[in-house]
């Protein structure tokens, strides 16, 4: 069971992202945004230092209300799906979830709702089929 779930979201148009990517002289803020949106994919829980700077680079933070935790638990669990699919587009991780217990980060999830890709840390479960069976849509409704 989650104790606290924070949702960080960066509202940015895809064209703006690619313009930033092409720029020769990017600001430090633009470099950090690009890193989190399309490049950096933490693969272990100790890589979560990026969380402390999210609001400084225009990610908006909201706390997910406890009454949504049951729905989140049904999405963030390991289970088999009838069909699994994979997308081949370039993921843009505008949504980042931070799971906390006793004020310590116990997991993160970077989500791209446009191409249904994710990077999840803090679990030993198999996350390869995360979001299947309509779970990306359910998660999007919870967050937005």
N, C-alpha and C. Protein backbone atom coordinates (compact mmCIF):
# COMPACT_ATOMS: atom_id res chain seq x y z
N UNK A 1 0.84 -1.19 0.00
CA UNK A 1 0.00 0.00 0.00
C UNK A 1 0.88 1.24 0.00
N UNK A 2 0.50 2.21 -0.79
CA UNK A 2 1.24 3.46 -0.87
C UNK A 2 0.91 4.33 0.33
N UNK A 3 1.85 5.14 0.75
CA UNK A 3 1.60 6.09 1.81
C UNK A 3 1.40 7.48 1.20
N UNK A 4 2.19 7.76 0.17
CA UNK A 4 2.08 9.04 -0.51
C UNK A 4 2.50 8.85 -1.96
N UNK A 5 1.73 9.44 -2.87
CA UNK A 5 2.08 9.39 -4.29
C UNK A 5 2.03 10.81 -4.83
N UNK A 6 3.16 11.24 -5.39
CA UNK A 6 3.24 12.56 -6.01
C UNK A 6 3.26 12.37 -7.52
N UNK A 7 2.55 13.25 -8.21
CA UNK A 7 2.51 13.23 -9.67
C UNK A 7 3.14 14.53 -10.16
N UNK A 8 4.13 14.40 -11.02
CA UNK A 8 4.77 15.55 -11.65
C UNK A 8 4.44 15.50 -13.13
N UNK A 9 4.08 16.65 -13.68
CA UNK A 9 3.67 16.71 -15.09
C UNK A 9 4.26 17.96 -15.73
N UNK A 10 4.80 17.79 -16.93
CA UNK A 10 5.29 18.94 -17.69
C UNK A 10 4.43 19.09 -18.92
N UNK A 11 3.69 20.18 -18.97
CA UNK A 11 2.84 20.46 -20.12
C UNK A 11 3.71 21.13 -21.17
N UNK A 12 4.05 20.37 -22.19
CA UNK A 12 4.91 20.88 -23.26
C UNK A 12 4.54 20.18 -24.56
N UNK A 13 4.46 20.95 -25.61
CA UNK A 13 4.11 20.44 -26.93
C UNK A 13 5.29 19.66 -27.53
N UNK A 14 4.99 18.61 -28.24
CA UNK A 14 6.05 17.80 -28.83
C UNK A 14 6.93 18.61 -29.79
N UNK A 15 6.32 19.51 -30.57
CA UNK A 15 7.11 20.35 -31.48
C UNK A 15 8.13 21.19 -30.71
N UNK A 16 7.72 21.70 -29.56
CA UNK A 16 8.62 22.50 -28.71
C UNK A 16 9.80 21.66 -28.24
N UNK A 17 9.53 20.40 -27.91
CA UNK A 17 10.59 19.50 -27.45
C UNK A 17 11.63 19.31 -28.55
N UNK A 18 11.17 19.05 -29.78
CA UNK A 18 12.11 18.80 -30.88
C UNK A 18 12.84 20.08 -31.27
N UNK A 19 12.19 21.24 -31.15
CA UNK A 19 12.89 22.52 -31.37
C UNK A 19 14.01 22.68 -30.36
N UNK A 20 13.71 22.39 -29.11
CA UNK A 20 14.72 22.47 -28.05
C UNK A 20 15.86 21.51 -28.33
N UNK A 21 15.54 20.32 -28.76
CA UNK A 21 16.54 19.29 -29.04
C UNK A 21 17.51 19.75 -30.14
N UNK A 22 16.98 20.48 -31.14
CA UNK A 22 17.80 20.94 -32.27
C UNK A 22 18.64 22.17 -31.94
N UNK A 23 18.27 22.91 -30.90
CA UNK A 23 18.98 24.12 -30.53
C UNK A 23 20.45 23.85 -30.24
N UNK A 24 21.30 24.71 -30.74
CA UNK A 24 22.74 24.53 -30.51
C UNK A 24 23.14 24.92 -29.09
N UNK A 25 22.62 26.03 -28.61
CA UNK A 25 22.99 26.53 -27.29
C UNK A 25 21.79 26.44 -26.34
N UNK A 26 21.65 25.31 -25.69
CA UNK A 26 20.54 25.11 -24.77
C UNK A 26 20.89 25.66 -23.39
N UNK A 27 19.86 26.14 -22.70
CA UNK A 27 20.06 26.57 -21.31
C UNK A 27 20.18 25.31 -20.44
N UNK A 28 20.64 25.49 -19.21
CA UNK A 28 20.73 24.37 -18.28
C UNK A 28 19.34 23.77 -18.04
N UNK A 29 18.34 24.65 -17.94
CA UNK A 29 16.96 24.19 -17.73
C UNK A 29 16.48 23.35 -18.91
N UNK A 30 16.76 23.79 -20.14
CA UNK A 30 16.36 23.04 -21.32
C UNK A 30 17.06 21.68 -21.37
N UNK A 31 18.35 21.66 -21.03
CA UNK A 31 19.08 20.40 -20.98
C UNK A 31 18.46 19.43 -19.99
N UNK A 32 18.10 19.92 -18.80
CA UNK A 32 17.49 19.07 -17.77
C UNK A 32 16.12 18.58 -18.22
N UNK A 33 15.31 19.48 -18.82
CA UNK A 33 14.00 19.06 -19.30
C UNK A 33 14.13 17.95 -20.35
N UNK A 34 15.01 18.17 -21.32
CA UNK A 34 15.20 17.16 -22.37
C UNK A 34 15.69 15.84 -21.80
N UNK A 35 16.59 15.95 -20.86
CA UNK A 35 17.13 14.74 -20.23
C UNK A 35 16.01 13.91 -19.61
N UNK A 36 15.12 14.57 -18.88
CA UNK A 36 14.04 13.84 -18.21
C UNK A 36 12.92 13.42 -19.16
N UNK A 37 12.66 14.24 -20.18
CA UNK A 37 11.58 13.93 -21.10
C UNK A 37 11.92 12.78 -22.05
N UNK A 38 13.13 12.78 -22.60
CA UNK A 38 13.41 11.81 -23.66
C UNK A 38 14.69 10.99 -23.48
N UNK A 39 15.52 11.33 -22.50
CA UNK A 39 16.80 10.62 -22.43
C UNK A 39 16.96 9.80 -21.15
N UNK A 40 16.94 10.43 -20.03
CA UNK A 40 17.29 9.78 -18.77
C UNK A 40 16.25 8.74 -18.36
N UNK A 41 16.69 7.53 -18.17
CA UNK A 41 15.80 6.47 -17.72
C UNK A 41 16.43 5.76 -16.52
N UNK A 42 16.08 6.18 -15.31
CA UNK A 42 16.68 5.54 -14.14
C UNK A 42 16.32 4.06 -14.11
N UNK A 43 17.30 3.23 -13.78
CA UNK A 43 16.98 1.81 -13.74
C UNK A 43 17.12 1.21 -12.35
N UNK A 44 17.45 2.04 -11.38
CA UNK A 44 17.47 1.57 -10.00
C UNK A 44 17.02 2.70 -9.07
N UNK A 45 16.55 2.31 -7.93
CA UNK A 45 15.97 3.27 -6.99
C UNK A 45 16.97 4.34 -6.55
N UNK A 46 18.24 4.01 -6.48
CA UNK A 46 19.23 4.99 -6.06
C UNK A 46 19.42 6.12 -7.08
N UNK A 47 18.85 5.97 -8.27
CA UNK A 47 18.95 7.00 -9.31
C UNK A 47 17.86 8.06 -9.23
N UNK A 48 17.19 8.18 -8.10
CA UNK A 48 16.04 9.08 -8.01
C UNK A 48 16.40 10.50 -7.56
N UNK A 49 17.65 10.87 -7.59
CA UNK A 49 18.07 12.21 -7.20
C UNK A 49 17.40 13.28 -8.07
N UNK A 50 17.01 12.91 -9.29
CA UNK A 50 16.37 13.85 -10.22
C UNK A 50 15.06 14.42 -9.68
N UNK A 51 14.41 13.73 -8.77
CA UNK A 51 13.09 14.14 -8.26
C UNK A 51 13.15 15.50 -7.58
N UNK A 52 14.23 15.79 -6.86
CA UNK A 52 14.29 17.03 -6.08
C UNK A 52 14.28 18.28 -6.95
N UNK A 53 14.63 18.17 -8.22
CA UNK A 53 14.71 19.35 -9.10
C UNK A 53 13.54 19.47 -10.08
N UNK A 54 12.57 18.58 -10.02
CA UNK A 54 11.50 18.59 -11.01
C UNK A 54 10.74 19.92 -11.07
N UNK A 55 10.39 20.46 -9.92
CA UNK A 55 9.63 21.71 -9.92
C UNK A 55 10.48 22.88 -10.42
N UNK A 56 11.78 22.83 -10.24
CA UNK A 56 12.67 23.90 -10.71
C UNK A 56 12.71 23.96 -12.23
N UNK A 57 12.37 22.86 -12.89
CA UNK A 57 12.39 22.85 -14.35
C UNK A 57 10.98 22.73 -14.93
N UNK A 58 10.03 23.32 -14.19
CA UNK A 58 8.65 23.54 -14.63
C UNK A 58 7.72 22.34 -14.59
N UNK A 59 8.13 21.22 -14.00
CA UNK A 59 7.17 20.15 -13.77
C UNK A 59 6.23 20.60 -12.65
N UNK A 60 4.96 20.38 -12.83
CA UNK A 60 3.96 20.76 -11.84
C UNK A 60 3.66 19.55 -10.97
N UNK A 61 3.71 19.77 -9.66
CA UNK A 61 3.51 18.69 -8.70
C UNK A 61 2.10 18.70 -8.13
N UNK A 62 1.49 17.53 -8.09
CA UNK A 62 0.23 17.34 -7.37
C UNK A 62 0.36 16.07 -6.54
N UNK A 63 -0.36 16.02 -5.46
CA UNK A 63 -0.36 14.82 -4.63
C UNK A 63 -1.63 14.04 -4.94
N UNK A 64 -1.46 12.76 -5.21
CA UNK A 64 -2.61 11.91 -5.50
C UNK A 64 -3.33 11.63 -4.19
N UNK A 65 -4.62 11.84 -4.19
CA UNK A 65 -5.42 11.62 -2.98
C UNK A 65 -5.48 10.13 -2.63
N UNK A 66 -5.52 9.86 -1.35
CA UNK A 66 -5.51 8.48 -0.84
C UNK A 66 -6.67 7.65 -1.38
N UNK A 67 -7.79 8.28 -1.71
CA UNK A 67 -8.93 7.50 -2.21
C UNK A 67 -8.67 6.92 -3.61
N UNK A 68 -7.58 7.30 -4.25
CA UNK A 68 -7.20 6.76 -5.56
C UNK A 68 -6.20 5.61 -5.44
N UNK A 69 -5.70 5.35 -4.24
CA UNK A 69 -4.65 4.35 -4.05
C UNK A 69 -5.11 2.94 -4.45
N UNK A 70 -6.36 2.59 -4.16
CA UNK A 70 -6.85 1.26 -4.52
C UNK A 70 -6.80 1.08 -6.04
N UNK A 71 -7.22 2.10 -6.77
CA UNK A 71 -7.15 2.05 -8.23
C UNK A 71 -5.70 1.94 -8.70
N UNK A 72 -4.80 2.70 -8.08
CA UNK A 72 -3.38 2.63 -8.44
C UNK A 72 -2.81 1.25 -8.15
N UNK A 73 -3.18 0.67 -7.03
CA UNK A 73 -2.69 -0.67 -6.68
C UNK A 73 -3.11 -1.71 -7.73
N UNK A 74 -4.30 -1.54 -8.30
CA UNK A 74 -4.76 -2.48 -9.33
C UNK A 74 -3.98 -2.31 -10.64
N UNK A 75 -3.48 -1.10 -10.86
CA UNK A 75 -2.69 -0.84 -12.07
C UNK A 75 -1.23 -1.24 -11.86
N UNK A 76 -0.67 -0.86 -10.71
CA UNK A 76 0.73 -1.14 -10.41
C UNK A 76 0.88 -2.49 -9.71
N UNK A 77 0.52 -3.53 -10.41
CA UNK A 77 0.69 -4.88 -9.88
C UNK A 77 1.08 -5.79 -11.04
N UNK A 78 1.70 -6.90 -10.71
CA UNK A 78 2.12 -7.84 -11.74
C UNK A 78 0.97 -8.80 -12.01
N UNK A 79 0.58 -8.89 -13.27
CA UNK A 79 -0.46 -9.84 -13.66
C UNK A 79 -0.34 -10.12 -15.14
N UNK A 80 -0.94 -11.18 -15.57
CA UNK A 80 -0.91 -11.57 -16.97
C UNK A 80 -2.03 -10.85 -17.72
N UNK A 81 -1.76 -10.58 -18.99
CA UNK A 81 -2.75 -9.93 -19.86
C UNK A 81 -2.99 -10.82 -21.06
N UNK A 82 -4.20 -10.74 -21.61
CA UNK A 82 -4.53 -11.56 -22.77
C UNK A 82 -3.66 -11.19 -23.96
N UNK A 83 -3.46 -9.90 -24.16
CA UNK A 83 -2.63 -9.42 -25.25
C UNK A 83 -1.64 -8.41 -24.71
N UNK A 84 -0.42 -8.48 -25.21
CA UNK A 84 0.59 -7.49 -24.85
C UNK A 84 1.09 -6.86 -26.14
N UNK A 85 1.29 -5.59 -26.11
CA UNK A 85 1.77 -4.89 -27.30
C UNK A 85 2.91 -3.97 -26.91
N UNK A 86 3.69 -3.60 -27.90
CA UNK A 86 4.82 -2.70 -27.69
C UNK A 86 4.81 -1.64 -28.78
N UNK A 87 5.20 -0.45 -28.43
CA UNK A 87 5.25 0.65 -29.37
C UNK A 87 6.71 0.93 -29.72
N UNK A 88 6.92 1.48 -30.88
CA UNK A 88 8.29 1.74 -31.32
C UNK A 88 8.58 3.23 -31.48
N UNK A 89 7.74 4.08 -30.98
CA UNK A 89 7.98 5.52 -31.11
C UNK A 89 8.96 5.98 -30.03
N UNK A 90 9.37 7.22 -30.14
CA UNK A 90 10.25 7.80 -29.12
C UNK A 90 9.38 8.28 -27.97
N UNK A 91 9.61 7.75 -26.80
CA UNK A 91 8.81 8.11 -25.63
C UNK A 91 9.15 9.51 -25.16
N UNK A 92 8.12 10.24 -24.75
CA UNK A 92 8.28 11.54 -24.11
C UNK A 92 7.60 11.42 -22.75
N UNK A 93 8.43 11.36 -21.72
CA UNK A 93 7.93 11.10 -20.37
C UNK A 93 7.51 12.39 -19.68
N UNK A 94 6.30 12.86 -19.98
CA UNK A 94 5.78 14.09 -19.38
C UNK A 94 5.23 13.85 -17.97
N UNK A 95 4.90 12.60 -17.66
CA UNK A 95 4.32 12.25 -16.36
C UNK A 95 5.31 11.43 -15.56
N UNK A 96 5.53 11.84 -14.32
CA UNK A 96 6.42 11.12 -13.43
C UNK A 96 5.69 10.93 -12.10
N UNK A 97 5.61 9.69 -11.65
CA UNK A 97 5.01 9.38 -10.35
C UNK A 97 6.13 9.06 -9.38
N UNK A 98 5.99 9.56 -8.16
CA UNK A 98 6.97 9.30 -7.11
C UNK A 98 6.20 8.69 -5.94
N UNK A 99 6.59 7.48 -5.58
CA UNK A 99 5.94 6.74 -4.50
C UNK A 99 6.80 6.88 -3.25
N UNK A 100 6.17 7.28 -2.13
CA UNK A 100 6.91 7.51 -0.89
C UNK A 100 6.29 6.76 0.28
N UNK A 101 7.15 6.37 1.19
CA UNK A 101 6.73 5.78 2.44
C UNK A 101 7.68 6.31 3.51
N UNK A 102 7.13 6.79 4.61
CA UNK A 102 7.93 7.41 5.66
C UNK A 102 8.84 8.50 5.10
N UNK A 103 8.30 9.26 4.16
CA UNK A 103 8.99 10.39 3.52
C UNK A 103 10.23 9.98 2.71
N UNK A 104 10.36 8.70 2.40
CA UNK A 104 11.46 8.20 1.58
C UNK A 104 10.89 7.70 0.26
N UNK A 105 11.59 7.96 -0.82
CA UNK A 105 11.16 7.46 -2.12
C UNK A 105 11.35 5.95 -2.15
N UNK A 106 10.25 5.26 -2.47
CA UNK A 106 10.31 3.79 -2.57
C UNK A 106 10.12 3.33 -4.02
N UNK A 107 9.82 4.28 -4.92
CA UNK A 107 9.66 3.92 -6.33
C UNK A 107 9.32 5.11 -7.18
N UNK A 108 9.58 4.99 -8.46
CA UNK A 108 9.21 6.03 -9.43
C UNK A 108 8.65 5.34 -10.67
N UNK A 109 7.87 6.10 -11.41
CA UNK A 109 7.36 5.63 -12.70
C UNK A 109 7.32 6.81 -13.65
N UNK A 110 8.10 6.71 -14.71
CA UNK A 110 8.04 7.71 -15.80
C UNK A 110 7.12 7.13 -16.85
N UNK A 111 6.12 7.91 -17.27
CA UNK A 111 5.09 7.40 -18.16
C UNK A 111 4.97 8.27 -19.40
N UNK A 112 4.89 7.62 -20.56
CA UNK A 112 4.56 8.31 -21.81
C UNK A 112 3.20 7.76 -22.24
N UNK A 113 2.18 8.61 -22.12
CA UNK A 113 0.83 8.17 -22.48
C UNK A 113 0.60 8.15 -23.99
N UNK A 114 1.42 8.87 -24.75
CA UNK A 114 1.23 8.90 -26.20
C UNK A 114 1.63 7.59 -26.86
N UNK A 115 2.68 6.96 -26.34
CA UNK A 115 3.12 5.70 -26.97
C UNK A 115 3.16 4.54 -25.96
N UNK A 116 2.52 4.75 -24.82
CA UNK A 116 2.38 3.68 -23.82
C UNK A 116 3.71 3.01 -23.47
N UNK A 117 4.66 3.84 -23.06
CA UNK A 117 5.93 3.33 -22.58
C UNK A 117 6.15 3.81 -21.15
N UNK A 118 7.02 3.11 -20.43
CA UNK A 118 7.25 3.46 -19.04
C UNK A 118 8.65 3.07 -18.62
N UNK A 119 9.11 3.70 -17.55
CA UNK A 119 10.34 3.31 -16.87
C UNK A 119 9.98 3.29 -15.38
N UNK A 120 10.04 2.12 -14.77
CA UNK A 120 9.62 1.96 -13.39
C UNK A 120 10.79 1.49 -12.54
N UNK A 121 11.00 2.15 -11.40
CA UNK A 121 12.04 1.74 -10.46
C UNK A 121 11.42 1.43 -9.11
N UNK A 122 12.13 0.65 -8.31
CA UNK A 122 11.69 0.39 -6.95
C UNK A 122 10.90 -0.89 -6.77
N UNK A 123 10.87 -1.74 -7.77
CA UNK A 123 10.15 -3.00 -7.66
C UNK A 123 11.00 -4.14 -8.20
N UNK A 124 10.75 -5.30 -7.69
CA UNK A 124 11.42 -6.50 -8.22
C UNK A 124 10.46 -7.27 -9.13
N UNK A 125 9.25 -6.78 -9.27
CA UNK A 125 8.26 -7.44 -10.13
C UNK A 125 8.57 -7.19 -11.59
N UNK A 126 8.07 -8.04 -12.44
CA UNK A 126 8.21 -7.89 -13.89
C UNK A 126 7.26 -6.78 -14.35
N UNK A 127 7.80 -5.71 -14.90
CA UNK A 127 6.98 -4.58 -15.35
C UNK A 127 6.84 -4.53 -16.87
N UNK A 128 7.26 -5.58 -17.56
CA UNK A 128 7.26 -5.55 -19.02
C UNK A 128 5.86 -5.42 -19.63
N UNK A 129 4.84 -5.87 -18.92
CA UNK A 129 3.48 -5.76 -19.45
C UNK A 129 2.68 -4.67 -18.73
N UNK A 130 3.37 -3.80 -18.03
CA UNK A 130 2.68 -2.71 -17.33
C UNK A 130 1.85 -1.90 -18.33
N UNK A 131 0.66 -1.53 -17.92
CA UNK A 131 -0.19 -0.65 -18.72
C UNK A 131 -1.09 -1.36 -19.71
N UNK A 132 -0.93 -2.66 -19.87
CA UNK A 132 -1.74 -3.41 -20.83
C UNK A 132 -3.19 -3.52 -20.33
N UNK A 133 -4.05 -4.04 -21.16
CA UNK A 133 -5.47 -4.26 -20.83
C UNK A 133 -6.18 -2.97 -20.41
N UNK A 134 -5.79 -1.87 -21.03
CA UNK A 134 -6.46 -0.60 -20.76
C UNK A 134 -5.96 0.17 -19.55
N UNK A 135 -4.88 -0.33 -18.91
CA UNK A 135 -4.40 0.33 -17.70
C UNK A 135 -3.81 1.72 -17.95
N UNK A 136 -3.22 1.96 -19.13
CA UNK A 136 -2.71 3.31 -19.40
C UNK A 136 -3.87 4.31 -19.39
N UNK A 137 -4.98 3.93 -19.97
CA UNK A 137 -6.16 4.81 -19.98
C UNK A 137 -6.69 5.07 -18.59
N UNK A 138 -6.74 4.02 -17.77
CA UNK A 138 -7.19 4.18 -16.38
C UNK A 138 -6.25 5.08 -15.60
N UNK A 139 -4.95 4.88 -15.78
CA UNK A 139 -3.98 5.71 -15.08
C UNK A 139 -4.08 7.17 -15.53
N UNK A 140 -4.27 7.39 -16.81
CA UNK A 140 -4.39 8.75 -17.33
C UNK A 140 -5.59 9.45 -16.67
N UNK A 141 -6.70 8.74 -16.54
CA UNK A 141 -7.90 9.34 -15.90
C UNK A 141 -7.62 9.71 -14.45
N UNK A 142 -6.89 8.87 -13.73
CA UNK A 142 -6.56 9.17 -12.34
C UNK A 142 -5.70 10.43 -12.26
N UNK A 143 -4.72 10.54 -13.14
CA UNK A 143 -3.75 11.63 -13.06
C UNK A 143 -4.25 12.94 -13.67
N UNK A 144 -5.09 12.86 -14.69
CA UNK A 144 -5.49 14.07 -15.39
C UNK A 144 -6.99 14.27 -15.29
